[in-house]
C-alpha atoms as a PDB file:
ATOM      1  CA  MET A   1     -10.655  33.211  44.019  1.00  0.00           C
ATOM      2  CA  ARG A   2      -6.945  33.082  43.513  1.00  0.00           C
ATOM      3  CA  ASN A   3      -4.815  29.987  43.889  1.00  0.00           C
ATOM      4  CA  GLY A   4      -7.861  27.897  44.782  1.00  0.00           C
ATOM      5  CA  LYS A   5      -8.594  29.893  47.930  1.00  0.00           C
ATOM      6  CA  THR A   6     -11.996  31.274  48.667  1.00  0.00           C
ATOM      7  CA  PRO A   7     -12.202  34.968  49.502  1.00  0.00           C
ATOM      8  CA  ARG A   8     -12.823  35.859  53.119  1.00  0.00           C
ATOM      9  CA  ARG A   9     -15.494  38.303  54.140  1.00  0.00           C
ATOM     10  CA  THR A  10     -15.750  39.680  57.610  1.00  0.00           C
ATOM     11  CA  MET A  11     -18.841  41.090  59.216  1.00  0.00           C
ATOM     12  CA  GLY A  12     -18.093  44.397  60.880  1.00  0.00           C
ATOM     13  CA  GLY A  13     -14.421  43.584  61.284  1.00  0.00           C
ATOM     14  CA  GLY A  14     -13.115  46.259  58.953  1.00  0.00           C
ATOM     15  CA  HIS A  15     -12.734  49.897  59.845  1.00  0.00           C
ATOM     16  CA  HIS A  16     -14.100  52.439  57.444  1.00  0.00           C
ATOM     17  CA  PRO A  17     -13.101  56.067  57.898  1.00  0.00           C
ATOM     18  CA  GLU A  18     -15.872  58.593  58.321  1.00  0.00           C
ATOM     19  CA  PRO A  19     -16.722  60.272  55.020  1.00  0.00           C
ATOM     20  CA  LYS A  20     -15.890  63.935  54.750  1.00  0.00           C
ATOM     21  CA  VAL A  21     -18.928  66.182  54.749  1.00  0.00           C
ATOM     22  CA  TYR A  22     -18.929  68.815  52.063  1.00  0.00           C
ATOM     23  CA  ILE A  23     -21.462  71.614  52.318  1.00  0.00           C
ATOM     24  CA  SER A  24     -21.665  73.858  49.296  1.00  0.00           C
ATOM     25  CA  ASP A  25     -20.958  77.583  49.514  1.00  0.00           C
ATOM     26  CA  LYS A  26     -23.959  78.325  47.297  1.00  0.00           C
ATOM     27  CA  ILE A  27     -26.670  77.602  49.858  1.00  0.00           C
ATOM     28  CA  PRO A  28     -28.196  80.139  52.274  1.00  0.00           C
ATOM     29  CA  ASP A  29     -26.720  80.400  55.765  1.00  0.00           C
ATOM     30  CA  SER A  30     -29.980  79.312  57.422  1.00  0.00           C
ATOM     31  CA  LEU A  31     -30.002  76.091  55.399  1.00  0.00           C
ATOM     32  CA  ARG A  32     -26.305  75.529  56.122  1.00  0.00           C
ATOM     33  CA  LYS A  33     -26.973  75.883  59.864  1.00  0.00           C
ATOM     34  CA  SER A  34     -29.915  73.493  59.647  1.00  0.00           C
ATOM     35  CA  MET A  35     -27.814  70.940  57.747  1.00  0.00           C
ATOM     36  CA  GLN A  36     -25.051  71.138  60.343  1.00  0.00           C
ATOM     37  CA  THR A  37     -27.582  70.680  63.147  1.00  0.00           C
ATOM     38  CA  PHE A  38     -29.253  67.630  61.629  1.00  0.00           C
ATOM     39  CA  GLN A  39     -26.005  66.002  60.424  1.00  0.00           C
ATOM     40  CA  ALA A  40     -24.129  66.439  63.708  1.00  0.00           C
ATOM     41  CA  LYS A  41     -22.616  63.270  65.163  1.00  0.00           C
ATOM     42  CA  ASN A  42     -24.363  62.921  68.513  1.00  0.00           C
ATOM     43  CA  GLU A  43     -26.705  60.513  70.259  1.00  0.00           C
ATOM     44  CA  ILE A  44     -29.885  62.492  69.523  1.00  0.00           C
ATOM     45  CA  PRO A  45     -32.215  60.772  67.013  1.00  0.00           C
ATOM     46  CA  VAL A  46     -32.862  62.808  63.880  1.00  0.00           C
ATOM     47  CA  PHE A  47     -36.586  63.103  64.655  1.00  0.00           C
ATOM     48  CA  LEU A  48     -35.747  64.970  67.890  1.00  0.00           C
ATOM     49  CA  LYS A  49     -32.948  67.230  66.612  1.00  0.00           C
ATOM     50  CA  GLY A  50     -35.403  70.016  65.780  1.00  0.00           C
ATOM     51  CA  GLY A  51     -35.800  70.975  69.435  1.00  0.00           C
ATOM     52  CA  PRO A  52     -38.809  71.196  71.760  1.00  0.00           C
ATOM     53  CA  ALA A  53     -41.352  71.364  68.928  1.00  0.00           C
ATOM     54  CA  ASP A  54     -40.130  68.036  67.541  1.00  0.00           C
ATOM     55  CA  LYS A  55     -40.259  66.482  70.997  1.00  0.00           C
ATOM     56  CA  ALA A  56     -43.849  67.700  71.475  1.00  0.00           C
ATOM     57  CA  LEU A  57     -44.891  66.337  68.069  1.00  0.00           C
ATOM     58  CA  PHE A  58     -43.216  62.998  68.798  1.00  0.00           C
ATOM     59  CA  LEU A  59     -44.856  62.657  72.213  1.00  0.00           C
ATOM     60  CA  THR A  60     -48.246  63.623  70.750  1.00  0.00           C
ATOM     61  CA  THR A  61     -47.841  60.977  68.050  1.00  0.00           C
ATOM     62  CA  VAL A  62     -46.893  58.319  70.611  1.00  0.00           C
ATOM     63  CA  ALA A  63     -49.839  59.262  72.840  1.00  0.00           C
ATOM     64  CA  LEU A  64     -52.342  59.157  69.965  1.00  0.00           C
ATOM     65  CA  CYS A  65     -50.981  55.785  68.807  1.00  0.00           C
ATOM     66  CA  GLY A  66     -51.337  54.471  72.360  1.00  0.00           C
ATOM     67  CA  ILE A  67     -54.921  55.721  72.579  1.00  0.00           C
ATOM     68  CA  GLY A  68     -55.684  54.089  69.222  1.00  0.00           C
ATOM     69  CA  ILE A  69     -54.210  50.756  70.304  1.00  0.00           C
ATOM     70  CA  LEU A  70     -56.185  50.865  73.555  1.00  0.00           C
ATOM     71  CA  GLY A  71     -59.350  51.610  71.563  1.00  0.00           C
ATOM     72  CA  VAL A  72     -58.768  48.601  69.320  1.00  0.00           C
ATOM     73  CA  LEU A  73     -58.117  46.358  72.330  1.00  0.00           C
ATOM     74  CA  ARG A  74     -61.298  47.644  74.002  1.00  0.00           C
ATOM     75  CA  PHE A  75     -63.296  46.898  70.858  1.00  0.00           C
ATOM     76  CA  VAL A  76     -61.866  43.382  70.557  1.00  0.00           C
ATOM     77  CA  TRP A  77     -62.583  42.735  74.238  1.00  0.00           C
ATOM     78  CA  SER A  78     -66.169  43.997  73.984  1.00  0.00           C
ATOM     79  CA  ALA A  79     -66.781  42.036  70.761  1.00  0.00           C
ATOM     80  CA  GLY A  80     -65.337  38.850  72.216  1.00  0.00           C
ATOM     81  CA  PHE A  81     -67.150  39.020  75.547  1.00  0.00           C
ATOM     82  CA  ALA A  82     -70.404  40.675  74.532  1.00  0.00           C
ATOM     83  CA  SER A  83     -73.347  40.206  76.884  1.00  0.00           C
ATOM     84  CA  LYS A  84     -75.908  37.796  75.515  1.00  0.00           C
ATOM     85  CA  LYS A  85     -79.324  39.229  74.725  1.00  0.00           C
ATOM     86  CA  LYS A  86     -82.438  37.324  75.828  1.00  0.00           C
END
């Protein structure tokens, strides 16, 4: 606070330059290629950048989570509306 003025802070108004990416020369070429693939600036989420295998694992995970949620809902429904025994 200089001269009695309060400092101004903006949300998202400033422009920050992209940081330079430095990849060491001491790493193997396969690791360098993998780093460049996963750090590339594109619209692909990092969990899908590995190719078809990552997509299959992601879809399997989503499907199993969906099946689990449906199982929980089925259990809650059957517990809440159980048939009364005589």
